[in-house]
C-alpha atoms as a PDB file:
ATOM      1  CA  MET A   1      19.794   4.985 -19.445  1.00  0.00           C
ATOM      2  CA  ALA A   2      16.343   5.720 -18.051  1.00  0.00           C
ATOM      3  CA  MET A   3      14.759   3.245 -15.674  1.00  0.00           C
ATOM      4  CA  THR A   4      11.727   1.340 -16.892  1.00  0.00           C
ATOM      5  CA  PRO A   5       8.635   0.962 -14.694  1.00  0.00           C
ATOM      6  CA  MET A   6       9.749  -2.590 -13.886  1.00  0.00           C
ATOM      7  CA  ASP A   7      13.198  -1.278 -12.892  1.00  0.00           C
ATOM      8  CA  LEU A   8      11.509   1.169 -10.523  1.00  0.00           C
ATOM      9  CA  VAL A   9       9.428  -1.612  -8.959  1.00  0.00           C
ATOM     10  CA  ALA A  10      12.495  -3.841  -8.565  1.00  0.00           C
ATOM     11  CA  ALA A  11      14.431  -1.013  -6.913  1.00  0.00           C
ATOM     12  CA  ALA A  12      11.525  -0.212  -4.602  1.00  0.00           C
ATOM     13  CA  LYS A  13      11.212  -3.851  -3.561  1.00  0.00           C
ATOM     14  CA  GLN A  14      14.794  -3.701  -2.300  1.00  0.00           C
ATOM     15  CA  THR A  15      13.764  -1.093   0.294  1.00  0.00           C
ATOM     16  CA  ILE A  16      10.493  -2.545   1.609  1.00  0.00           C
ATOM     17  CA  THR A  17       9.449  -5.622   3.531  1.00  0.00           C
ATOM     18  CA  GLU A  18       7.067  -7.794   1.556  1.00  0.00           C
ATOM     19  CA  ILE A  19       4.753 -10.016   3.580  1.00  0.00           C
ATOM     20  CA  ASP A  20       2.475 -12.871   2.671  1.00  0.00           C
ATOM     21  CA  ALA A  21      -1.268 -13.032   3.264  1.00  0.00           C
ATOM     22  CA  ALA A  22      -0.876 -15.072   6.455  1.00  0.00           C
ATOM     23  CA  ARG A  23       1.429 -12.465   8.005  1.00  0.00           C
ATOM     24  CA  ALA A  24      -0.837  -9.623   6.882  1.00  0.00           C
ATOM     25  CA  GLN A  25      -3.799 -11.337   8.503  1.00  0.00           C
ATOM     26  CA  THR A  26      -2.004 -11.447  11.866  1.00  0.00           C
ATOM     27  CA  MET A  27      -1.347  -7.704  11.602  1.00  0.00           C
ATOM     28  CA  LEU A  28      -4.899  -6.647  10.685  1.00  0.00           C
ATOM     29  CA  GLY A  29      -6.413  -4.331  13.234  1.00  0.00           C
ATOM     30  CA  SER A  30      -3.047  -3.248  14.601  1.00  0.00           C
ATOM     31  CA  VAL A  31      -1.668  -1.511  11.492  1.00  0.00           C
ATOM     32  CA  PRO A  32      -3.406   0.546   8.788  1.00  0.00           C
ATOM     33  CA  LEU A  33      -4.379  -1.386   5.649  1.00  0.00           C
ATOM     34  CA  ILE A  34      -4.220   0.785   2.527  1.00  0.00           C
ATOM     35  CA  ASP A  35      -5.553  -0.316  -0.866  1.00  0.00           C
ATOM     36  CA  VAL A  36      -3.568   1.636  -3.480  1.00  0.00           C
ATOM     37  CA  ARG A  37      -5.579   0.410  -6.474  1.00  0.00           C
ATOM     38  CA  GLU A  38      -7.780   2.711  -8.518  1.00  0.00           C
ATOM     39  CA  PRO A  39     -11.223   3.617  -7.108  1.00  0.00           C
ATOM     40  CA  GLU A  40     -13.070   1.345  -9.538  1.00  0.00           C
ATOM     41  CA  GLU A  41     -10.877  -1.603  -8.506  1.00  0.00           C
ATOM     42  CA  TYR A  42     -11.549  -0.862  -4.834  1.00  0.00           C
ATOM     43  CA  ALA A  43     -15.295  -0.582  -5.516  1.00  0.00           C
ATOM     44  CA  ALA A  44     -15.268  -4.005  -7.190  1.00  0.00           C
ATOM     45  CA  GLY A  45     -13.948  -5.563  -3.988  1.00  0.00           C
ATOM     46  CA  CYS A  46     -11.433  -4.935  -1.252  1.00  0.00           C
ATOM     47  CA  LEU A  47     -10.051  -6.510   1.889  1.00  0.00           C
ATOM     48  CA  PRO A  48     -12.165  -5.924   5.014  1.00  0.00           C
ATOM     49  CA  GLY A  49     -10.988  -2.817   6.852  1.00  0.00           C
ATOM     50  CA  ALA A  50      -8.977  -1.490   3.915  1.00  0.00           C
ATOM     51  CA  VAL A  51      -8.897   2.223   3.177  1.00  0.00           C
ATOM     52  CA  SER A  52      -8.710   3.390  -0.437  1.00  0.00           C
ATOM     53  CA  ILE A  53      -5.878   5.772  -1.259  1.00  0.00           C
ATOM     54  CA  PRO A  54      -4.960   5.339  -4.946  1.00  0.00           C
ATOM     55  CA  ARG A  55      -1.227   5.109  -5.688  1.00  0.00           C
ATOM     56  CA  GLY A  56      -1.292   8.252  -7.811  1.00  0.00           C
ATOM     57  CA  VAL A  57      -2.265  10.405  -4.822  1.00  0.00           C
ATOM     58  CA  LEU A  58      -0.796   8.389  -1.949  1.00  0.00           C
ATOM     59  CA  GLU A  59       1.900  10.885  -0.966  1.00  0.00           C
ATOM     60  CA  PHE A  60      -0.642  13.703  -0.930  1.00  0.00           C
ATOM     61  CA  ARG A  61      -3.315  11.946   1.149  1.00  0.00           C
ATOM     62  CA  ILE A  62      -1.688   9.431   3.466  1.00  0.00           C
ATOM     63  CA  ASP A  63      -0.473  11.850   6.152  1.00  0.00           C
ATOM     64  CA  GLY A  64      -3.948  13.316   6.547  1.00  0.00           C
ATOM     65  CA  HIS A  65      -5.682   9.987   6.970  1.00  0.00           C
ATOM     66  CA  PRO A  66      -6.910   9.318  10.546  1.00  0.00           C
ATOM     67  CA  GLN A  67      -5.416   5.799  10.625  1.00  0.00           C
ATOM     68  CA  ILE A  68      -1.988   7.186   9.750  1.00  0.00           C
ATOM     69  CA  GLN A  69      -1.805  10.323  11.893  1.00  0.00           C
ATOM     70  CA  GLY A  70       0.732   9.887  14.656  1.00  0.00           C
ATOM     71  CA  ARG A  71       2.156   6.772  12.967  1.00  0.00           C
ATOM     72  CA  ARG A  72       4.372   8.345  10.320  1.00  0.00           C
ATOM     73  CA  ASP A  73       7.250   5.984  11.068  1.00  0.00           C
ATOM     74  CA  GLY A  74       5.072   3.001  11.951  1.00  0.00           C
ATOM     75  CA  GLU A  75       4.140  -0.026   9.922  1.00  0.00           C
ATOM     76  CA  VAL A  76       1.511   0.225   7.199  1.00  0.00           C
ATOM     77  CA  ILE A  77       0.274  -2.507   4.878  1.00  0.00           C
ATOM     78  CA  LEU A  78      -0.142  -1.363   1.272  1.00  0.00           C
ATOM     79  CA  TYR A  79      -1.637  -3.659  -1.323  1.00  0.00           C
ATOM     80  CA  CYS A  80      -2.645  -3.684  -4.974  1.00  0.00           C
ATOM     81  CA  GLN A  81      -3.421  -6.308  -7.601  1.00  0.00           C
ATOM     82  CA  SER A  82       0.122  -7.538  -8.290  1.00  0.00           C
ATOM     83  CA  GLY A  83       2.446  -5.819  -5.813  1.00  0.00           C
ATOM     84  CA  GLY A  84       3.932  -3.295  -8.227  1.00  0.00           C
ATOM     85  CA  ARG A  85       1.954  -0.212  -7.236  1.00  0.00           C
ATOM     86  CA  SER A  86       2.113  -1.049  -3.553  1.00  0.00           C
ATOM     87  CA  ALA A  87       5.906  -1.438  -3.756  1.00  0.00           C
ATOM     88  CA  LEU A  88       6.313   2.038  -5.165  1.00  0.00           C
END
């Protein structure tokens, strides 16, 4: 049976560390903050210091981003509207 999008999100959430806003705030400035929402969502408002890399192109663009270079195995904060896209 094929996995549904919600199945994929649930499986992804088993392999990541989810953090709350308070924890994210303590990490700001020391780890890259990536907004994986669509460009129009980012343009409507984003967290200070966030970089826009939409989820659909994340794997293609993240390694080339200056905040990520040299940190391939380091921590990165990804966020979206509900946590589904950022989990994937």
